[in-house]
């Protein structure tokens, strides 16, 4: 779990340098042991809609992509957009899920097995 909130009173998100270093290490440990890293934060890493990039996508998401291994199919879960949607690249699938405070209430299932998710 990543604390993506920048500061109280703003809806912008960003990861600190210390958190990026921690994340890089944790992803390396996970992938070297043959596992698929799954991580989560409030703000998205990828653009789900260009109208909602500002404040909904991490302001330093490029720094996150610099530390991700190539073609590894990582999974990232988020929710700031309050909608049900996913976007994929060769490095990452970014899944945003709806909020229970928004009607109609939507949720999704992710099945995880040794073959992947």
PDB file of N, CA and C in Angstrom:
ATOM      1  N   UNK A   1       0.847  -1.173   0.000  1.00  0.00           N
ATOM      2  CA  UNK A   1       0.000   0.000   0.000  1.00  0.00           C
ATOM      3  C   UNK A   1       0.893   1.237   0.000  1.00  0.00           C
ATOM      4  N   UNK A   2       0.537   2.171  -0.875  1.00  0.00           N
ATOM      5  CA  UNK A   2       1.313   3.403  -1.012  1.00  0.00           C
ATOM      6  C   UNK A   2       0.491   4.604  -0.570  1.00  0.00           C
ATOM      7  N   UNK A   3       1.105   5.478   0.195  1.00  0.00           N
ATOM      8  CA  UNK A   3       0.455   6.731   0.563  1.00  0.00           C
ATOM      9  C   UNK A   3       0.722   7.716  -0.570  1.00  0.00           C
ATOM     10  N   UNK A   4      -0.270   7.918  -1.425  1.00  0.00           N
ATOM     11  CA  UNK A   4      -0.098   8.790  -2.588  1.00  0.00           C
ATOM     12  C   UNK A   4      -0.582  10.208  -2.332  1.00  0.00           C
ATOM     13  N   UNK A   5      -1.167  10.465  -1.169  1.00  0.00           N
ATOM     14  CA  UNK A   5      -1.685  11.799  -0.882  1.00  0.00           C
ATOM     15  C   UNK A   5      -0.539  12.767  -0.638  1.00  0.00           C
ATOM     16  N   UNK A   6      -0.631  13.915  -1.272  1.00  0.00           N
ATOM     17  CA  UNK A   6       0.427  14.910  -1.185  1.00  0.00           C
ATOM     18  C   UNK A   6       0.371  15.670   0.131  1.00  0.00           C
ATOM     19  N   UNK A   7      -0.777  16.220   0.454  1.00  0.00           N
ATOM     20  CA  UNK A   7      -0.948  16.940   1.701  1.00  0.00           C
ATOM     21  C   UNK A   7      -2.422  17.160   1.962  1.00  0.00           C
ATOM     22  N   UNK A   8      -2.762  17.366   3.217  1.00  0.00           N
ATOM     23  CA  UNK A   8      -4.151  17.574   3.595  1.00  0.00           C
ATOM     24  C   UNK A   8      -4.697  18.825   2.908  1.00  0.00           C
ATOM     25  N   UNK A   9      -5.915  18.723   2.394  1.00  0.00           N
ATOM     26  CA  UNK A   9      -6.550  19.883   1.775  1.00  0.00           C
ATOM     27  C   UNK A   9      -6.372  19.963   0.273  1.00  0.00           C
ATOM     28  N   UNK A  10      -5.623  19.037  -0.313  1.00  0.00           N
ATOM     29  CA  UNK A  10      -5.454  19.002  -1.767  1.00  0.00           C
ATOM     30  C   UNK A  10      -5.777  17.602  -2.265  1.00  0.00           C
ATOM     31  N   UNK A  11      -6.236  17.507  -3.484  1.00  0.00           N
ATOM     32  CA  UNK A  11      -6.531  16.179  -4.033  1.00  0.00           C
ATOM     33  C   UNK A  11      -5.399  15.661  -4.906  1.00  0.00           C
ATOM     34  N   UNK A  12      -4.291  16.398  -4.974  1.00  0.00           N
ATOM     35  CA  UNK A  12      -3.148  15.977  -5.786  1.00  0.00           C
ATOM     36  C   UNK A  12      -2.394  14.841  -5.097  1.00  0.00           C
ATOM     37  N   UNK A  13      -1.755  13.997  -5.903  1.00  0.00           N
ATOM     38  CA  UNK A  13      -1.009  12.879  -5.368  1.00  0.00           C
ATOM     39  C   UNK A  13       0.410  12.825  -5.886  1.00  0.00           C
ATOM     40  N   UNK A  14       1.297  12.294  -5.055  1.00  0.00           N
ATOM     41  CA  UNK A  14       2.709  12.185  -5.418  1.00  0.00           C
ATOM     42  C   UNK A  14       3.370  11.199  -4.461  1.00  0.00           C
ATOM     43  N   UNK A  15       4.395  10.489  -4.940  1.00  0.00           N
ATOM     44  CA  UNK A  15       5.183   9.618  -4.073  1.00  0.00           C
ATOM     45  C   UNK A  15       6.494  10.312  -3.729  1.00  0.00           C
ATOM     46  N   UNK A  16       6.901  10.206  -2.483  1.00  0.00           N
ATOM     47  CA  UNK A  16       8.167  10.798  -2.048  1.00  0.00           C
ATOM     48  C   UNK A  16       9.332   9.976  -2.597  1.00  0.00           C
ATOM     49  N   UNK A  17      10.511  10.562  -2.590  1.00  0.00           N
ATOM     50  CA  UNK A  17      11.720   9.856  -3.024  1.00  0.00           C
ATOM     51  C   UNK A  17      11.955   8.628  -2.159  1.00  0.00           C
ATOM     52  N   UNK A  18      11.732   8.765  -0.866  1.00  0.00           N
ATOM     53  CA  UNK A  18      11.910   7.641   0.063  1.00  0.00           C
ATOM     54  C   UNK A  18      10.933   6.509  -0.277  1.00  0.00           C
ATOM     55  N   UNK A  19       9.701   6.845  -0.583  1.00  0.00           N
ATOM     56  CA  UNK A  19       8.712   5.820  -0.941  1.00  0.00           C
ATOM     57  C   UNK A  19       9.065   5.163  -2.263  1.00  0.00           C
ATOM     58  N   UNK A  20       9.540   5.936  -3.230  1.00  0.00           N
ATOM     59  CA  UNK A  20       9.958   5.362  -4.517  1.00  0.00           C
ATOM     60  C   UNK A  20      11.106   4.370  -4.330  1.00  0.00           C
ATOM     61  N   UNK A  21      12.060   4.711  -3.482  1.00  0.00           N
ATOM     62  CA  UNK A  21      13.186   3.807  -3.211  1.00  0.00           C
ATOM     63  C   UNK A  21      12.685   2.531  -2.538  1.00  0.00           C
ATOM     64  N   UNK A  22      11.789   2.669  -1.573  1.00  0.00           N
ATOM     65  CA  UNK A  22      11.204   1.510  -0.902  1.00  0.00           C
ATOM     66  C   UNK A  22      10.460   0.639  -1.902  1.00  0.00           C
ATOM     67  N   UNK A  23       9.647   1.255  -2.763  1.00  0.00           N
ATOM     68  CA  UNK A  23       8.869   0.514  -3.752  1.00  0.00           C
ATOM     69  C   UNK A  23       9.774  -0.247  -4.714  1.00  0.00           C
ATOM     70  N   UNK A  24      10.825   0.392  -5.188  1.00  0.00           N
ATOM     71  CA  UNK A  24      11.753  -0.271  -6.099  1.00  0.00           C
ATOM     72  C   UNK A  24      12.356  -1.515  -5.456  1.00  0.00           C
ATOM     73  N   UNK A  25      12.740  -1.415  -4.199  1.00  0.00           N
ATOM     74  CA  UNK A  25      13.316  -2.545  -3.478  1.00  0.00           C
ATOM     75  C   UNK A  25      12.293  -3.664  -3.294  1.00  0.00           C
ATOM     76  N   UNK A  26      11.084  -3.310  -2.909  1.00  0.00           N
ATOM     77  CA  UNK A  26      10.043  -4.317  -2.677  1.00  0.00           C
ATOM     78  C   UNK A  26       9.649  -5.038  -3.971  1.00  0.00           C
ATOM     79  N   UNK A  27       9.563  -4.305  -5.069  1.00  0.00           N
ATOM     80  CA  UNK A  27       9.250  -4.932  -6.363  1.00  0.00           C
ATOM     81  C   UNK A  27      10.365  -5.894  -6.758  1.00  0.00           C
ATOM     82  N   UNK A  28      11.613  -5.497  -6.536  1.00  0.00           N
ATOM     83  CA  UNK A  28      12.749  -6.370  -6.868  1.00  0.00           C
ATOM     84  C   UNK A  28      12.704  -7.658  -6.047  1.00  0.00           C
ATOM     85  N   UNK A  29      12.447  -7.542  -4.761  1.00  0.00           N
ATOM     86  CA  UNK A  29      12.361  -8.718  -3.891  1.00  0.00           C
ATOM     87  C   UNK A  29      11.248  -9.644  -4.373  1.00  0.00           C
ATOM     88  N   UNK A  30      10.124  -9.065  -4.693  1.00  0.00           N
ATOM     89  CA  UNK A  30       8.956  -9.849  -5.119  1.00  0.00           C
ATOM     90  C   UNK A  30       9.214 -10.558  -6.450  1.00  0.00           C
ATOM     91  N   UNK A  31       9.717  -9.839  -7.440  1.00  0.00           N
ATOM     92  CA  UNK A  31       9.923 -10.449  -8.761  1.00  0.00           C
ATOM     93  C   UNK A  31      11.066 -11.460  -8.739  1.00  0.00           C
ATOM     94  N   UNK A  32      12.117 -11.197  -7.957  1.00  0.00           N
ATOM     95  CA  UNK A  32      13.231 -12.150  -7.867  1.00  0.00           C
ATOM     96  C   UNK A  32      12.794 -13.465  -7.232  1.00  0.00           C
ATOM     97  N   UNK A  33      11.763 -13.427  -6.408  1.00  0.00           N
ATOM     98  CA  UNK A  33      11.266 -14.653  -5.778  1.00  0.00           C
ATOM     99  C   UNK A  33      10.207 -15.344  -6.636  1.00  0.00           C
ATOM    100  N   UNK A  34       9.960 -14.789  -7.855  1.00  0.00           N
ATOM    101  CA  UNK A  34       9.029 -15.411  -8.787  1.00  0.00           C
ATOM    102  C   UNK A  34       7.578 -15.028  -8.593  1.00  0.00           C
ATOM    103  N   UNK A  35       7.339 -13.988  -7.827  1.00  0.00           N
ATOM    104  CA  UNK A  35       5.971 -13.549  -7.570  1.00  0.00           C
ATOM    105  C   UNK A  35       5.617 -12.317  -8.404  1.00  0.00           C
ATOM    106  N   UNK A  36       4.328 -12.065  -8.537  1.00  0.00           N
ATOM    107  CA  UNK A  36       3.846 -10.890  -9.261  1.00  0.00           C
ATOM    108  C   UNK A  36       3.517  -9.807  -8.239  1.00  0.00           C
ATOM    109  N   UNK A  37       4.201  -8.681  -8.284  1.00  0.00           N
ATOM    110  CA  UNK A  37       3.890  -7.600  -7.335  1.00  0.00           C
ATOM    111  C   UNK A  37       2.501  -7.015  -7.587  1.00  0.00           C
ATOM    112  N   UNK A  38       1.767  -6.833  -6.515  1.00  0.00           N
ATOM    113  CA  UNK A  38       0.480  -6.146  -6.547  1.00  0.00           C
ATOM    114  C   UNK A  38       0.600  -5.001  -5.547  1.00  0.00           C
ATOM    115  N   UNK A  39       0.407  -3.783  -6.017  1.00  0.00           N
ATOM    116  CA  UNK A  39       0.482  -2.659  -5.105  1.00  0.00           C
ATOM    117  C   UNK A  39      -0.686  -1.721  -5.337  1.00  0.00           C
ATOM    118  N   UNK A  40      -0.948  -0.864  -4.360  1.00  0.00           N
ATOM    119  CA  UNK A  40      -2.142  -0.032  -4.399  1.00  0.00           C
ATOM    120  C   UNK A  40      -1.863   1.341  -3.816  1.00  0.00           C
ATOM    121  N   UNK A  41      -2.618   2.308  -4.291  1.00  0.00           N
ATOM    122  CA  UNK A  41      -2.575   3.666  -3.781  1.00  0.00           C
ATOM    123  C   UNK A  41      -3.883   4.358  -4.145  1.00  0.00           C
ATOM    124  N   UNK A  42      -4.062   5.546  -3.652  1.00  0.00           N
ATOM    125  CA  UNK A  42      -5.314   6.253  -3.913  1.00  0.00           C
ATOM    126  C   UNK A  42      -5.388   6.799  -5.340  1.00  0.00           C
ATOM    127  N   UNK A  43      -4.315   7.397  -5.830  1.00  0.00           N
ATOM    128  CA  UNK A  43      -4.280   8.018  -7.156  1.00  0.00           C
ATOM    129  C   UNK A  43      -3.802   7.019  -8.213  1.00  0.00           C
ATOM    130  N   UNK A  44      -4.237   7.197  -9.452  1.00  0.00           N
ATOM    131  CA  UNK A  44      -3.835   6.291 -10.536  1.00  0.00           C
ATOM    132  C   UNK A  44      -2.424   6.613 -11.026  1.00  0.00           C
ATOM    133  N   UNK A  45      -1.825   5.630 -11.688  1.00  0.00           N
ATOM    134  CA  UNK A  45      -0.503   5.804 -12.305  1.00  0.00           C
ATOM    135  C   UNK A  45      -0.620   6.085 -13.794  1.00  0.00           C
ATOM    136  N   UNK A  46      -1.683   5.581 -14.405  1.00  0.00           N
ATOM    137  CA  UNK A  46      -1.909   5.774 -15.835  1.00  0.00           C
ATOM    138  C   UNK A  46      -3.121   6.672 -16.056  1.00  0.00           C
ATOM    139  N   UNK A  47      -3.184   7.254 -17.230  1.00  0.00           N
ATOM    140  CA  UNK A  47      -4.316   8.109 -17.578  1.00  0.00           C
ATOM    141  C   UNK A  47      -5.516   7.244 -17.963  1.00  0.00           C
ATOM    142  N   UNK A  48      -6.608   7.416 -17.254  1.00  0.00           N
ATOM    143  CA  UNK A  48      -7.851   6.720 -17.577  1.00  0.00           C
ATOM    144  C   UNK A  48      -8.742   7.598 -18.440  1.00  0.00           C
ATOM    145  N   UNK A  49      -8.534   8.896 -18.362  1.00  0.00           N
ATOM    146  CA  UNK A  49      -9.270   9.871 -19.146  1.00  0.00           C
ATOM    147  C   UNK A  49      -8.460  11.166 -19.105  1.00  0.00           C
ATOM    148  N   UNK A  50      -8.046  11.707 -20.251  1.00  0.00           N
ATOM    149  CA  UNK A  50      -7.194  12.903 -20.243  1.00  0.00           C
ATOM    150  C   UNK A  50      -7.803  14.092 -19.493  1.00  0.00           C
ATOM    151  N   UNK A  51      -9.109  14.143 -19.380  1.00  0.00           N
ATOM    152  CA  UNK A  51      -9.746  15.244 -18.642  1.00  0.00           C
ATOM    153  C   UNK A  51      -9.500  15.145 -17.143  1.00  0.00           C
ATOM    154  N   UNK A  52      -9.116  13.949 -16.685  1.00  0.00           N
ATOM    155  CA  UNK A  52      -8.955  13.739 -15.249  1.00  0.00           C
ATOM    156  C   UNK A  52      -7.520  13.422 -14.846  1.00  0.00           C
ATOM    157  N   UNK A  53      -6.543  13.804 -15.643  1.00  0.00           N
ATOM    158  CA  UNK A  53      -5.153  13.559 -15.272  1.00  0.00           C
ATOM    159  C   UNK A  53      -4.731  14.437 -14.098  1.00  0.00           C
ATOM    160  N   UNK A  54      -5.044  15.702 -14.158  1.00  0.00           N
ATOM    161  CA  UNK A  54      -4.646  16.633 -13.101  1.00  0.00           C
ATOM    162  C   UNK A  54      -5.404  16.289 -11.821  1.00  0.00           C
ATOM    163  N   UNK A  55      -4.726  16.033 -10.777  1.00  0.00           N
ATOM    164  CA  UNK A  55      -5.175  15.654  -9.433  1.00  0.00           C
ATOM    165  C   UNK A  55      -5.644  14.211  -9.304  1.00  0.00           C
ATOM    166  N   UNK A  56      -5.929  13.516 -10.397  1.00  0.00           N
ATOM    167  CA  UNK A  56      -6.358  12.121 -10.291  1.00  0.00           C
ATOM    168  C   UNK A  56      -5.216  11.147 -10.551  1.00  0.00           C
ATOM    169  N   UNK A  57      -4.245  11.562 -11.322  1.00  0.00           N
ATOM    170  CA  UNK A  57      -3.069  10.749 -11.628  1.00  0.00           C
ATOM    171  C   UNK A  57      -1.906  11.300 -10.807  1.00  0.00           C
ATOM    172  N   UNK A  58      -1.034  10.407 -10.342  1.00  0.00           N
ATOM    173  CA  UNK A  58       0.135  10.865  -9.580  1.00  0.00           C
ATOM    174  C   UNK A  58       0.928  11.879 -10.388  1.00  0.00           C
ATOM    175  N   UNK A  59       1.313  12.965  -9.758  1.00  0.00           N
ATOM    176  CA  UNK A  59       2.061  13.997 -10.476  1.00  0.00           C
ATOM    177  C   UNK A  59       3.452  13.507 -10.875  1.00  0.00           C
ATOM    178  N   UNK A  60       3.977  12.502 -10.187  1.00  0.00           N
ATOM    179  CA  UNK A  60       5.287  11.943 -10.544  1.00  0.00           C
ATOM    180  C   UNK A  60       5.178  10.475 -10.968  1.00  0.00           C
ATOM    181  N   UNK A  61       4.113  10.144 -11.695  1.00  0.00           N
ATOM    182  CA  UNK A  61       3.947   8.758 -12.145  1.00  0.00           C
ATOM    183  C   UNK A  61       5.084   8.319 -13.067  1.00  0.00           C
ATOM    184  N   UNK A  62       5.698   9.257 -13.786  1.00  0.00           N
ATOM    185  CA  UNK A  62       6.846   8.910 -14.637  1.00  0.00           C
ATOM    186  C   UNK A  62       7.986   8.328 -13.812  1.00  0.00           C
ATOM    187  N   UNK A  63       8.186   8.844 -12.604  1.00  0.00           N
ATOM    188  CA  UNK A  63       9.243   8.327 -11.728  1.00  0.00           C
ATOM    189  C   UNK A  63       8.944   6.890 -11.305  1.00  0.00           C
ATOM    190  N   UNK A  64       7.679   6.567 -11.155  1.00  0.00           N
ATOM    191  CA  UNK A  64       7.298   5.192 -10.811  1.00  0.00           C
ATOM    192  C   UNK A  64       7.625   4.266 -11.979  1.00  0.00           C
ATOM    193  N   UNK A  65       7.297   4.687 -13.205  1.00  0.00           N
ATOM    194  CA  UNK A  65       7.549   3.840 -14.372  1.00  0.00           C
ATOM    195  C   UNK A  65       9.034   3.621 -14.619  1.00  0.00           C
ATOM    196  N   UNK A  66       9.873   4.562 -14.191  1.00  0.00           N
ATOM    197  CA  UNK A  66      11.327   4.391 -14.341  1.00  0.00           C
ATOM    198  C   UNK A  66      11.851   3.241 -13.499  1.00  0.00           C
ATOM    199  N   UNK A  67      11.205   2.938 -12.381  1.00  0.00           N
ATOM    200  CA  UNK A  67      11.696   1.870 -11.502  1.00  0.00           C
ATOM    201  C   UNK A  67      11.024   0.527 -11.761  1.00  0.00           C
ATOM    202  N   UNK A  68      10.001   0.496 -12.611  1.00  0.00           N
ATOM    203  CA  UNK A  68       9.310  -0.767 -12.875  1.00  0.00           C
ATOM    204  C   UNK A  68      10.116  -1.627 -13.838  1.00  0.00           C
ATOM    205  N   UNK A  69      10.180  -2.929 -13.582  1.00  0.00           N
ATOM    206  CA  UNK A  69      10.864  -3.816 -14.525  1.00  0.00           C
ATOM    207  C   UNK A  69      10.098  -3.899 -15.848  1.00  0.00           C
ATOM    208  N   UNK A  70      10.805  -4.187 -16.917  1.00  0.00           N
ATOM    209  CA  UNK A  70      10.184  -4.286 -18.248  1.00  0.00           C
ATOM    210  C   UNK A  70       9.307  -5.523 -18.357  1.00  0.00           C
ATOM    211  N   UNK A  71       8.194  -5.386 -19.041  1.00  0.00           N
ATOM    212  CA  UNK A  71       7.323  -6.509 -19.414  1.00  0.00           C
ATOM    213  C   UNK A  71       7.055  -7.479 -18.268  1.00  0.00           C
ATOM    214  N   UNK A  72       6.695  -6.929 -17.128  1.00  0.00           N
ATOM    215  CA  UNK A  72       6.492  -7.808 -15.991  1.00  0.00           C
ATOM    216  C   UNK A  72       5.033  -7.960 -15.604  1.00  0.00           C
ATOM    217  N   UNK A  73       4.143  -7.196 -16.177  1.00  0.00           N
ATOM    218  CA  UNK A  73       2.726  -7.354 -15.886  1.00  0.00           C
ATOM    219  C   UNK A  73       2.341  -7.067 -14.456  1.00  0.00           C
ATOM    220  N   UNK A  74       2.879  -6.008 -13.879  1.00  0.00           N
ATOM    221  CA  UNK A  74       2.549  -5.658 -12.508  1.00  0.00           C
ATOM    222  C   UNK A  74       1.094  -5.201 -12.405  1.00  0.00           C
ATOM    223  N   UNK A  75       0.546  -5.295 -11.210  1.00  0.00           N
ATOM    224  CA  UNK A  75      -0.841  -4.921 -10.978  1.00  0.00           C
ATOM    225  C   UNK A  75      -0.890  -3.803  -9.945  1.00  0.00           C
ATOM    226  N   UNK A  76      -1.585  -2.715 -10.301  1.00  0.00           N
ATOM    227  CA  UNK A  76      -1.738  -1.569  -9.410  1.00  0.00           C
ATOM    228  C   UNK A  76      -3.224  -1.282  -9.250  1.00  0.00           C
ATOM    229  N   UNK A  77      -3.673  -1.120  -8.012  1.00  0.00           N
ATOM    230  CA  UNK A  77      -5.075  -0.871  -7.704  1.00  0.00           C
ATOM    231  C   UNK A  77      -5.223   0.527  -7.106  1.00  0.00           C
ATOM    232  N   UNK A  78      -6.245   1.249  -7.560  1.00  0.00           N
ATOM    233  CA  UNK A  78      -6.463   2.607  -7.058  1.00  0.00           C
ATOM    234  C   UNK A  78      -7.949   2.929  -7.086  1.00  0.00           C
ATOM    235  N   UNK A  79      -8.315   4.142  -6.666  1.00  0.00           N
ATOM    236  CA  UNK A  79      -9.732   4.433  -6.597  1.00  0.00           C
ATOM    237  C   UNK A  79     -10.143   5.883  -6.693  1.00  0.00           C
ATOM    238  N   UNK A  80      -9.239   6.816  -6.858  1.00  0.00           N
ATOM    239  CA  UNK A  80      -9.542   8.242  -6.776  1.00  0.00           C
ATOM    240  C   UNK A  80     -10.578   8.718  -7.799  1.00  0.00           C
ATOM    241  N   UNK A  81     -10.674   8.040  -8.928  1.00  0.00           N
ATOM    242  CA  UNK A  81     -11.640   8.431  -9.961  1.00  0.00           C
ATOM    243  C   UNK A  81     -13.078   7.998  -9.651  1.00  0.00           C
ATOM    244  N   UNK A  82     -13.246   7.079  -8.728  1.00  0.00           N
ATOM    245  CA  UNK A  82     -14.571   6.575  -8.337  1.00  0.00           C
ATOM    246  C   UNK A  82     -15.349   6.008  -9.521  1.00  0.00           C
ATOM    247  N   UNK A  83     -14.672   5.285 -10.374  1.00  0.00           N
ATOM    248  CA  UNK A  83     -15.322   4.631 -11.500  1.00  0.00           C
ATOM    249  C   UNK A  83     -14.735   3.232 -11.651  1.00  0.00           C
ATOM    250  N   UNK A  84     -15.269   2.424 -12.510  1.00  0.00           N
ATOM    251  CA  UNK A  84     -14.770   1.075 -12.742  1.00  0.00           C
ATOM    252  C   UNK A  84     -14.069   1.082 -14.104  1.00  0.00           C
ATOM    253  N   UNK A  85     -12.727   0.982 -14.099  1.00  0.00           N
ATOM    254  CA  UNK A  85     -11.996   1.085 -15.362  1.00  0.00           C
ATOM    255  C   UNK A  85     -10.590   0.521 -15.182  1.00  0.00           C
ATOM    256  N   UNK A  86      -9.982   0.068 -16.292  1.00  0.00           N
ATOM    257  CA  UNK A  86      -8.577  -0.334 -16.228  1.00  0.00           C
ATOM    258  C   UNK A  86      -7.864   0.101 -17.500  1.00  0.00           C
ATOM    259  N   UNK A  87      -6.548   0.312 -17.372  1.00  0.00           N
ATOM    260  CA  UNK A  87      -5.673   0.677 -18.474  1.00  0.00           C
ATOM    261  C   UNK A  87      -4.428  -0.200 -18.356  1.00  0.00           C
ATOM    262  N   UNK A  88      -3.920  -0.673 -19.511  1.00  0.00           N
ATOM    263  CA  UNK A  88      -2.747  -1.554 -19.505  1.00  0.00           C
ATOM    264  C   UNK A  88      -1.623  -1.007 -20.363  1.00  0.00           C
ATOM    265  N   UNK A  89      -0.398  -1.260 -19.909  1.00  0.00           N
ATOM    266  CA  UNK A  89       0.807  -1.088 -20.722  1.00  0.00           C
ATOM    267  C   UNK A  89       1.563  -2.407 -20.622  1.00  0.00           C
ATOM    268  N   UNK A  90       2.733  -2.485 -21.262  1.00  0.00           N
ATOM    269  CA  UNK A  90       3.517  -3.717 -21.148  1.00  0.00           C
ATOM    270  C   UNK A  90       4.087  -3.890 -19.743  1.00  0.00           C
ATOM    271  N   UNK A  91       4.178  -2.829 -18.958  1.00  0.00           N
ATOM    272  CA  UNK A  91       4.732  -2.910 -17.615  1.00  0.00           C
ATOM    273  C   UNK A  91       3.681  -3.072 -16.524  1.00  0.00           C
ATOM    274  N   UNK A  92       2.478  -2.575 -16.778  1.00  0.00           N
ATOM    275  CA  UNK A  92       1.550  -2.414 -15.667  1.00  0.00           C
ATOM    276  C   UNK A  92       0.095  -2.421 -16.123  1.00  0.00           C
ATOM    277  N   UNK A  93      -0.772  -2.978 -15.265  1.00  0.00           N
ATOM    278  CA  UNK A  93      -2.215  -2.798 -15.400  1.00  0.00           C
ATOM    279  C   UNK A  93      -2.662  -1.947 -14.220  1.00  0.00           C
ATOM    280  N   UNK A  94      -3.298  -0.830 -14.516  1.00  0.00           N
ATOM    281  CA  UNK A  94      -3.775   0.124 -13.514  1.00  0.00           C
ATOM    282  C   UNK A  94      -5.296  -0.026 -13.458  1.00  0.00           C
ATOM    283  N   UNK A  95      -5.802  -0.528 -12.334  1.00  0.00           N
ATOM    284  CA  UNK A  95      -7.240  -0.742 -12.166  1.00  0.00           C
ATOM    285  C   UNK A  95      -7.769   0.257 -11.153  1.00  0.00           C
ATOM    286  N   UNK A  96      -8.734   1.053 -11.595  1.00  0.00           N
ATOM    287  CA  UNK A  96      -9.418   1.981 -10.689  1.00  0.00           C
ATOM    288  C   UNK A  96     -10.798   1.399 -10.405  1.00  0.00           C
ATOM    289  N   UNK A  97     -11.214   1.496  -9.158  1.00  0.00           N
ATOM    290  CA  UNK A  97     -12.502   0.934  -8.781  1.00  0.00           C
ATOM    291  C   UNK A  97     -13.416   2.006  -8.229  1.00  0.00           C
ATOM    292  N   UNK A  98     -14.690   1.746  -8.315  1.00  0.00           N
ATOM    293  CA  UNK A  98     -15.681   2.701  -7.860  1.00  0.00           C
ATOM    294  C   UNK A  98     -15.687   2.862  -6.349  1.00  0.00           C
ATOM    295  N   UNK A  99     -16.241   3.978  -5.902  1.00  0.00           N
ATOM    296  CA  UNK A  99     -16.374   4.219  -4.473  1.00  0.00           C
ATOM    297  C   UNK A  99     -17.756   3.805  -4.000  1.00  0.00           C
ATOM    298  N   UNK A 100     -17.830   3.290  -2.800  1.00  0.00           N
ATOM    299  CA  UNK A 100     -19.125   2.889  -2.264  1.00  0.00           C
ATOM    300  C   UNK A 100     -19.990   4.086  -1.891  1.00  0.00           C
ATOM    301  N   UNK A 101     -19.410   5.292  -1.935  1.00  0.00           N
ATOM    302  CA  UNK A 101     -20.200   6.491  -1.654  1.00  0.00           C
ATOM    303  C   UNK A 101     -20.872   7.023  -2.922  1.00  0.00           C
ATOM    304  N   UNK A 102     -20.629   6.374  -4.061  1.00  0.00           N
ATOM    305  CA  UNK A 102     -21.193   6.811  -5.339  1.00  0.00           C
ATOM    306  C   UNK A 102     -22.175   5.748  -5.820  1.00  0.00           C
ATOM    307  N   UNK A 103     -23.406   6.146  -6.091  1.00  0.00           N
ATOM    308  CA  UNK A 103     -24.422   5.217  -6.574  1.00  0.00           C
ATOM    309  C   UNK A 103     -24.413   5.178  -8.090  1.00  0.00           C
ATOM    310  N   UNK A 104     -24.558   4.055  -8.760  1.00  0.00           N
ATOM    311  CA  UNK A 104     -24.742   2.741  -8.168  1.00  0.00           C
ATOM    312  C   UNK A 104     -23.424   2.179  -7.654  1.00  0.00           C
ATOM    313  N   UNK A 105     -23.493   1.371  -6.625  1.00  0.00           N
ATOM    314  CA  UNK A 105     -22.303   0.807  -6.006  1.00  0.00           C
ATOM    315  C   UNK A 105     -21.724  -0.283  -6.896  1.00  0.00           C
ATOM    316  N   UNK A 106     -20.480  -0.079  -7.313  1.00  0.00           N
ATOM    317  CA  UNK A 106     -19.823  -1.052  -8.189  1.00  0.00           C
ATOM    318  C   UNK A 106     -18.598  -1.618  -7.474  1.00  0.00           C
ATOM    319  N   UNK A 107     -18.315  -2.852  -7.766  1.00  0.00           N
ATOM    320  CA  UNK A 107     -17.114  -3.496  -7.258  1.00  0.00           C
ATOM    321  C   UNK A 107     -16.690  -4.541  -8.268  1.00  0.00           C
ATOM    322  N   UNK A 108     -15.472  -4.993  -8.163  1.00  0.00           N
ATOM    323  CA  UNK A 108     -14.956  -5.985  -9.090  1.00  0.00           C
ATOM    324  C   UNK A 108     -14.258  -7.105  -8.352  1.00  0.00           C
ATOM    325  N   UNK A 109     -14.015  -8.188  -9.061  1.00  0.00           N
ATOM    326  CA  UNK A 109     -13.298  -9.341  -8.536  1.00  0.00           C
ATOM    327  C   UNK A 109     -12.009  -9.511  -9.323  1.00  0.00           C
ATOM    328  N   UNK A 110     -10.957  -9.879  -8.623  1.00  0.00           N
ATOM    329  CA  UNK A 110      -9.701 -10.226  -9.267  1.00  0.00           C
ATOM    330  C   UNK A 110      -9.326 -11.622  -8.788  1.00  0.00           C
ATOM    331  N   UNK A 111      -9.211 -12.544  -9.731  1.00  0.00           N
ATOM    332  CA  UNK A 111      -8.773 -13.889  -9.379  1.00  0.00           C
ATOM    333  C   UNK A 111      -7.269 -13.960  -9.547  1.00  0.00           C
ATOM    334  N   UNK A 112      -6.605 -14.473  -8.516  1.00  0.00           N
ATOM    335  CA  UNK A 112      -5.138 -14.591  -8.518  1.00  0.00           C
ATOM    336  C   UNK A 112      -4.783 -16.062  -8.366  1.00  0.00           C
ATOM    337  N   UNK A 113      -3.910 -16.536  -9.255  1.00  0.00           N
ATOM    338  CA  UNK A 113      -3.491 -17.941  -9.211  1.00  0.00           C
ATOM    339  C   UNK A 113      -1.994 -17.981  -9.514  1.00  0.00           C
ATOM    340  N   UNK A 114      -1.369 -19.148  -9.417  1.00  0.00           N
ATOM    341  CA  UNK A 114       0.069 -19.257  -9.737  1.00  0.00           C
ATOM    342  C   UNK A 114       0.378 -18.843 -11.190  1.00  0.00           C
ATOM    343  N   UNK A 115      -0.612 -18.916 -12.069  1.00  0.00           N
ATOM    344  CA  UNK A 115      -0.402 -18.531 -13.460  1.00  0.00           C
ATOM    345  C   UNK A 115      -0.501 -17.017 -13.678  1.00  0.00           C
ATOM    346  N   UNK A 116      -0.994 -16.315 -12.714  1.00  0.00           N
ATOM    347  CA  UNK A 116      -1.154 -14.870 -12.839  1.00  0.00           C
ATOM    348  C   UNK A 116      -2.493 -14.430 -12.293  1.00  0.00           C
ATOM    349  N   UNK A 117      -2.938 -13.279 -12.733  1.00  0.00           N
ATOM    350  CA  UNK A 117      -4.221 -12.762 -12.236  1.00  0.00           C
ATOM    351  C   UNK A 117      -5.157 -12.555 -13.394  1.00  0.00           C
TER     352      UNK A 117
END
